[in-house]
Amino acid sequence: MSIERIHSTDRMSRIVKHNGTVYLCGQTAGQAEWDIAEQTRQCLAKIDALLSEAGSDKESLLSVTIYIRDMKDFAAMNAVWDAWVAELPKPARACVEARMARPEILVEMSVIAALA
């Protein structure tokens, strides 16, 4: 059984590849001056880049878990998300309200995708 870990630290790996599947750690974009829409765009850009590095892409998404600091931002986050997945096969998705590691983080996304 082969497991490839990419961009590993003492705490985690940003990308893990195993058995034709890519796992991304939670992606955030917590700049205090960015609203939920911009943080969502930045998270999705990071996801695009990491999937590409791993040999996958957003068309191969299997599951996305979205953590949002406050559900009042749900509609604004979804507007960006919906545009990003508009022409794609839709992954399984969950969205939950959660306390974040830092107060400026409004959204975090954890991704599982198939290798392209």
N, C-alpha and C. Protein backbone atom coordinates (compact mmCIF):
# COMPACT_ATOMS: atom_id res chain seq x y z
N MET A 1 0.86 -1.17 0.00
CA MET A 1 0.00 0.00 0.00
C MET A 1 0.90 1.24 0.00
N SER A 2 0.71 2.09 -0.98
CA SER A 2 1.53 3.29 -1.12
C SER A 2 0.74 4.53 -0.71
N ILE A 3 1.32 5.31 0.17
CA ILE A 3 0.74 6.59 0.57
C ILE A 3 1.78 7.65 0.31
N GLU A 4 1.41 8.69 -0.45
CA GLU A 4 2.32 9.80 -0.74
C GLU A 4 1.83 11.03 0.01
N ARG A 5 2.73 11.63 0.78
CA ARG A 5 2.41 12.83 1.55
C ARG A 5 3.24 13.98 1.00
N ILE A 6 2.57 15.08 0.68
CA ILE A 6 3.21 16.22 0.03
C ILE A 6 3.05 17.46 0.91
N HIS A 7 4.12 18.23 1.01
CA HIS A 7 4.14 19.44 1.85
C HIS A 7 3.81 19.10 3.30
N SER A 8 4.58 18.17 3.85
CA SER A 8 4.35 17.73 5.22
C SER A 8 5.11 18.61 6.21
N THR A 9 4.52 18.77 7.38
CA THR A 9 5.15 19.44 8.51
C THR A 9 5.11 18.48 9.69
N ASP A 10 5.52 18.94 10.84
CA ASP A 10 5.43 18.11 12.04
C ASP A 10 3.98 17.81 12.41
N ARG A 11 3.05 18.62 11.91
CA ARG A 11 1.64 18.49 12.30
C ARG A 11 0.78 17.82 11.25
N MET A 12 1.06 18.05 9.96
CA MET A 12 0.12 17.62 8.92
C MET A 12 0.78 17.62 7.55
N SER A 13 0.05 17.10 6.58
CA SER A 13 0.43 17.17 5.17
C SER A 13 -0.65 17.95 4.43
N ARG A 14 -0.24 18.81 3.51
CA ARG A 14 -1.22 19.58 2.74
C ARG A 14 -1.95 18.69 1.74
N ILE A 15 -1.23 17.70 1.19
CA ILE A 15 -1.79 16.77 0.21
C ILE A 15 -1.41 15.35 0.63
N VAL A 16 -2.38 14.45 0.59
CA VAL A 16 -2.10 13.02 0.77
C VAL A 16 -2.74 12.29 -0.40
N LYS A 17 -1.95 11.42 -1.04
CA LYS A 17 -2.45 10.63 -2.16
C LYS A 17 -2.39 9.15 -1.78
N HIS A 18 -3.50 8.46 -1.99
CA HIS A 18 -3.58 7.04 -1.66
C HIS A 18 -4.65 6.37 -2.50
N ASN A 19 -4.28 5.26 -3.12
CA ASN A 19 -5.25 4.40 -3.80
C ASN A 19 -6.14 5.18 -4.78
N GLY A 20 -5.54 6.08 -5.56
CA GLY A 20 -6.29 6.82 -6.57
C GLY A 20 -7.10 7.98 -6.03
N THR A 21 -6.87 8.35 -4.79
CA THR A 21 -7.63 9.41 -4.14
C THR A 21 -6.68 10.47 -3.60
N VAL A 22 -7.11 11.73 -3.69
CA VAL A 22 -6.34 12.87 -3.19
C VAL A 22 -7.12 13.48 -2.03
N TYR A 23 -6.41 13.71 -0.93
CA TYR A 23 -6.99 14.35 0.24
C TYR A 23 -6.25 15.67 0.47
N LEU A 24 -6.98 16.75 0.59
CA LEU A 24 -6.37 18.04 0.90
C LEU A 24 -6.72 18.43 2.33
N CYS A 25 -5.75 19.00 3.01
CA CYS A 25 -6.03 19.53 4.35
C CYS A 25 -6.97 20.73 4.22
N GLY A 26 -7.49 21.20 5.32
CA GLY A 26 -8.39 22.34 5.30
C GLY A 26 -7.71 23.57 4.72
N GLN A 27 -8.36 24.20 3.76
CA GLN A 27 -7.82 25.39 3.10
C GLN A 27 -8.54 26.63 3.64
N THR A 28 -7.75 27.61 4.04
CA THR A 28 -8.29 28.87 4.55
C THR A 28 -7.64 30.03 3.81
N ALA A 29 -8.21 31.20 3.97
CA ALA A 29 -7.65 32.43 3.38
C ALA A 29 -8.01 33.58 4.30
N GLY A 30 -7.58 33.50 5.54
CA GLY A 30 -8.04 34.41 6.57
C GLY A 30 -7.32 35.74 6.63
N GLN A 31 -7.55 36.60 5.68
CA GLN A 31 -7.06 37.97 5.77
C GLN A 31 -8.18 38.82 6.38
N ALA A 32 -7.87 39.58 7.38
CA ALA A 32 -8.88 40.34 8.12
C ALA A 32 -9.67 41.28 7.20
N GLU A 33 -9.05 41.78 6.14
CA GLU A 33 -9.73 42.73 5.26
C GLU A 33 -10.62 42.05 4.22
N TRP A 34 -10.57 40.73 4.10
CA TRP A 34 -11.38 40.02 3.12
C TRP A 34 -12.72 39.60 3.71
N ASP A 35 -13.79 39.80 2.95
CA ASP A 35 -15.11 39.32 3.35
C ASP A 35 -15.23 37.84 2.98
N ILE A 36 -16.38 37.25 3.29
CA ILE A 36 -16.59 35.82 3.05
C ILE A 36 -16.45 35.47 1.57
N ALA A 37 -16.93 36.34 0.68
CA ALA A 37 -16.83 36.05 -0.75
C ALA A 37 -15.38 35.97 -1.20
N GLU A 38 -14.55 36.92 -0.78
CA GLU A 38 -13.15 36.91 -1.18
C GLU A 38 -12.40 35.75 -0.52
N GLN A 39 -12.69 35.45 0.73
CA GLN A 39 -12.04 34.30 1.37
C GLN A 39 -12.42 33.00 0.65
N THR A 40 -13.68 32.90 0.24
CA THR A 40 -14.11 31.71 -0.50
C THR A 40 -13.38 31.61 -1.83
N ARG A 41 -13.28 32.72 -2.56
CA ARG A 41 -12.54 32.71 -3.84
C ARG A 41 -11.09 32.28 -3.62
N GLN A 42 -10.47 32.81 -2.59
CA GLN A 42 -9.07 32.47 -2.31
C GLN A 42 -8.91 30.99 -1.92
N CYS A 43 -9.82 30.47 -1.12
CA CYS A 43 -9.80 29.04 -0.76
C CYS A 43 -9.92 28.18 -2.01
N LEU A 44 -10.84 28.52 -2.88
CA LEU A 44 -11.06 27.74 -4.09
C LEU A 44 -9.85 27.81 -5.02
N ALA A 45 -9.19 28.96 -5.08
CA ALA A 45 -7.96 29.07 -5.88
C ALA A 45 -6.87 28.17 -5.31
N LYS A 46 -6.74 28.12 -3.99
CA LYS A 46 -5.77 27.22 -3.36
C LYS A 46 -6.11 25.76 -3.67
N ILE A 47 -7.38 25.43 -3.62
CA ILE A 47 -7.82 24.06 -3.91
C ILE A 47 -7.47 23.71 -5.36
N ASP A 48 -7.75 24.61 -6.30
CA ASP A 48 -7.40 24.38 -7.71
C ASP A 48 -5.90 24.08 -7.84
N ALA A 49 -5.07 24.90 -7.20
CA ALA A 49 -3.62 24.75 -7.32
C ALA A 49 -3.14 23.44 -6.70
N LEU A 50 -3.64 23.10 -5.52
CA LEU A 50 -3.22 21.86 -4.86
C LEU A 50 -3.69 20.62 -5.62
N LEU A 51 -4.91 20.66 -6.13
CA LEU A 51 -5.39 19.53 -6.93
C LEU A 51 -4.52 19.34 -8.17
N SER A 52 -4.18 20.43 -8.82
CA SER A 52 -3.33 20.35 -10.00
C SER A 52 -1.97 19.75 -9.64
N GLU A 53 -1.39 20.21 -8.55
CA GLU A 53 -0.10 19.67 -8.10
C GLU A 53 -0.18 18.18 -7.82
N ALA A 54 -1.33 17.74 -7.32
CA ALA A 54 -1.51 16.34 -6.96
C ALA A 54 -1.87 15.46 -8.16
N GLY A 55 -2.12 16.07 -9.32
CA GLY A 55 -2.51 15.31 -10.50
C GLY A 55 -4.00 15.11 -10.62
N SER A 56 -4.76 16.06 -10.09
CA SER A 56 -6.22 16.00 -10.15
C SER A 56 -6.75 17.38 -10.56
N ASP A 57 -8.06 17.53 -10.47
CA ASP A 57 -8.68 18.81 -10.79
C ASP A 57 -10.08 18.86 -10.17
N LYS A 58 -10.72 20.01 -10.27
CA LYS A 58 -12.02 20.16 -9.60
C LYS A 58 -13.11 19.31 -10.24
N GLU A 59 -12.93 18.87 -11.48
CA GLU A 59 -13.90 17.96 -12.10
C GLU A 59 -13.88 16.58 -11.45
N SER A 60 -12.81 16.30 -10.70
CA SER A 60 -12.66 15.00 -10.04
C SER A 60 -13.02 15.04 -8.56
N LEU A 61 -13.63 16.14 -8.11
CA LEU A 61 -14.03 16.25 -6.71
C LEU A 61 -15.00 15.15 -6.33
N LEU A 62 -14.78 14.55 -5.18
CA LEU A 62 -15.69 13.56 -4.63
C LEU A 62 -16.51 14.14 -3.49
N SER A 63 -15.82 14.86 -2.59
CA SER A 63 -16.48 15.38 -1.39
C SER A 63 -15.78 16.65 -0.92
N VAL A 64 -16.57 17.60 -0.47
CA VAL A 64 -16.04 18.83 0.12
C VAL A 64 -16.80 19.10 1.41
N THR A 65 -16.06 19.36 2.48
CA THR A 65 -16.66 19.78 3.74
C THR A 65 -16.28 21.24 3.94
N ILE A 66 -17.29 22.06 4.12
CA ILE A 66 -17.09 23.51 4.30
C ILE A 66 -17.44 23.86 5.74
N TYR A 67 -16.50 24.54 6.36
CA TYR A 67 -16.70 25.05 7.72
C TYR A 67 -16.83 26.57 7.58
N ILE A 68 -17.90 27.12 8.12
CA ILE A 68 -18.15 28.55 8.01
C ILE A 68 -18.30 29.12 9.42
N ARG A 69 -17.68 30.25 9.66
CA ARG A 69 -17.69 30.80 11.02
C ARG A 69 -19.08 31.23 11.45
N ASP A 70 -19.86 31.80 10.53
CA ASP A 70 -21.19 32.30 10.88
C ASP A 70 -22.14 32.04 9.72
N MET A 71 -23.23 31.35 9.98
CA MET A 71 -24.19 31.01 8.92
C MET A 71 -24.83 32.23 8.27
N LYS A 72 -24.66 33.40 8.85
CA LYS A 72 -25.17 34.60 8.18
C LYS A 72 -24.46 34.81 6.85
N ASP A 73 -23.26 34.22 6.69
CA ASP A 73 -22.48 34.34 5.46
C ASP A 73 -22.73 33.20 4.47
N PHE A 74 -23.66 32.31 4.79
CA PHE A 74 -23.92 31.13 3.96
C PHE A 74 -24.27 31.49 2.52
N ALA A 75 -25.18 32.43 2.31
CA ALA A 75 -25.60 32.79 0.95
C ALA A 75 -24.46 33.40 0.15
N ALA A 76 -23.68 34.28 0.76
CA ALA A 76 -22.56 34.91 0.05
C ALA A 76 -21.49 33.88 -0.31
N MET A 77 -21.21 32.96 0.59
CA MET A 77 -20.24 31.89 0.29
C MET A 77 -20.77 31.03 -0.83
N ASN A 78 -22.06 30.66 -0.78
CA ASN A 78 -22.66 29.81 -1.80
C ASN A 78 -22.65 30.46 -3.17
N ALA A 79 -22.79 31.79 -3.25
CA ALA A 79 -22.76 32.47 -4.54
C ALA A 79 -21.42 32.24 -5.24
N VAL A 80 -20.33 32.31 -4.49
CA VAL A 80 -19.00 32.07 -5.05
C VAL A 80 -18.84 30.59 -5.38
N TRP A 81 -19.23 29.73 -4.45
CA TRP A 81 -19.15 28.28 -4.66
C TRP A 81 -19.92 27.87 -5.91
N ASP A 82 -21.17 28.34 -6.03
CA ASP A 82 -22.03 27.95 -7.15
C ASP A 82 -21.42 28.33 -8.49
N ALA A 83 -20.78 29.50 -8.56
CA ALA A 83 -20.11 29.90 -9.79
C ALA A 83 -18.93 28.99 -10.09
N TRP A 84 -18.21 28.57 -9.06
CA TRP A 84 -17.02 27.73 -9.23
C TRP A 84 -17.38 26.33 -9.72
N VAL A 85 -18.50 25.79 -9.27
CA VAL A 85 -18.90 24.43 -9.66
C VAL A 85 -19.97 24.41 -10.75
N ALA A 86 -20.30 25.56 -11.32
CA ALA A 86 -21.44 25.68 -12.24
C ALA A 86 -21.43 24.63 -13.35
N GLU A 87 -20.32 24.41 -13.99
CA GLU A 87 -20.26 23.50 -15.14
C GLU A 87 -19.67 22.13 -14.79
N LEU A 88 -19.59 21.83 -13.51
CA LEU A 88 -18.95 20.60 -13.07
C LEU A 88 -19.94 19.56 -12.57
N PRO A 89 -19.53 18.28 -12.59
CA PRO A 89 -20.30 17.30 -11.83
C PRO A 89 -20.18 17.68 -10.35
N LYS A 90 -21.26 17.69 -9.65
CA LYS A 90 -21.24 18.19 -8.26
C LYS A 90 -20.74 17.12 -7.29
N PRO A 91 -19.83 17.51 -6.39
CA PRO A 91 -19.35 16.59 -5.36
C PRO A 91 -20.38 16.47 -4.23
N ALA A 92 -20.22 15.46 -3.40
CA ALA A 92 -20.95 15.43 -2.14
C ALA A 92 -20.43 16.62 -1.33
N ARG A 93 -21.31 17.27 -0.56
CA ARG A 93 -20.88 18.46 0.16
C ARG A 93 -21.63 18.58 1.48
N ALA A 94 -20.91 19.04 2.48
CA ALA A 94 -21.51 19.39 3.76
C ALA A 94 -21.01 20.78 4.13
N CYS A 95 -21.84 21.52 4.83
CA CYS A 95 -21.45 22.85 5.31
C CYS A 95 -21.95 22.99 6.74
N VAL A 96 -21.00 23.27 7.64
CA VAL A 96 -21.36 23.41 9.04
C VAL A 96 -20.78 24.69 9.61
N GLU A 97 -21.46 25.25 10.59
CA GLU A 97 -20.93 26.40 11.32
C GLU A 97 -19.92 25.88 12.33
N ALA A 98 -18.77 26.57 12.41
CA ALA A 98 -17.71 26.10 13.30
C ALA A 98 -16.89 27.26 13.84
N ARG A 99 -16.36 27.09 15.02
CA ARG A 99 -15.40 28.03 15.57
C ARG A 99 -14.08 27.82 14.84
N MET A 100 -13.45 28.89 14.40
CA MET A 100 -12.22 28.79 13.63
C MET A 100 -10.99 28.98 14.52
N ALA A 101 -9.84 28.60 13.98
CA ALA A 101 -8.59 28.69 14.73
C ALA A 101 -8.19 30.14 15.02
N ARG A 102 -8.56 31.05 14.12
CA ARG A 102 -8.28 32.47 14.30
C ARG A 102 -9.53 33.26 13.93
N PRO A 103 -9.78 34.38 14.58
CA PRO A 103 -11.03 35.12 14.34
C PRO A 103 -11.20 35.67 12.93
N GLU A 104 -10.10 35.90 12.22
CA GLU A 104 -10.22 36.46 10.87
C GLU A 104 -10.59 35.41 9.82
N ILE A 105 -10.53 34.13 10.18
CA ILE A 105 -10.90 33.07 9.24
C ILE A 105 -12.41 32.93 9.24
N LEU A 106 -13.01 33.10 8.06
CA LEU A 106 -14.47 33.01 7.92
C LEU A 106 -14.92 31.70 7.31
N VAL A 107 -14.01 31.02 6.57
CA VAL A 107 -14.38 29.78 5.88
C VAL A 107 -13.15 28.89 5.77
N GLU A 108 -13.40 27.59 5.84
CA GLU A 108 -12.35 26.58 5.62
C GLU A 108 -12.96 25.44 4.85
N MET A 109 -12.19 24.87 3.91
CA MET A 109 -12.71 23.78 3.08
C MET A 109 -11.73 22.62 3.09
N SER A 110 -12.27 21.43 3.29
CA SER A 110 -11.51 20.19 3.25
C SER A 110 -12.03 19.37 2.06
N VAL A 111 -11.10 18.84 1.26
CA VAL A 111 -11.45 18.26 -0.04
C VAL A 111 -10.94 16.83 -0.19
N ILE A 112 -11.77 16.01 -0.83
CA ILE A 112 -11.36 14.68 -1.29
C ILE A 112 -11.69 14.63 -2.78
N ALA A 113 -10.71 14.17 -3.57
CA ALA A 113 -10.89 14.08 -5.02
C ALA A 113 -10.26 12.81 -5.54
N ALA A 114 -10.73 12.37 -6.69
CA ALA A 114 -10.09 11.25 -7.39
C ALA A 114 -8.91 11.79 -8.17
N LEU A 115 -7.91 10.96 -8.38
CA LEU A 115 -6.84 11.36 -9.30
C LEU A 115 -7.43 11.45 -10.69
N ALA A 116 -7.04 12.48 -11.42
CA ALA A 116 -7.61 12.71 -12.76
C ALA A 116 -7.09 11.67 -13.74
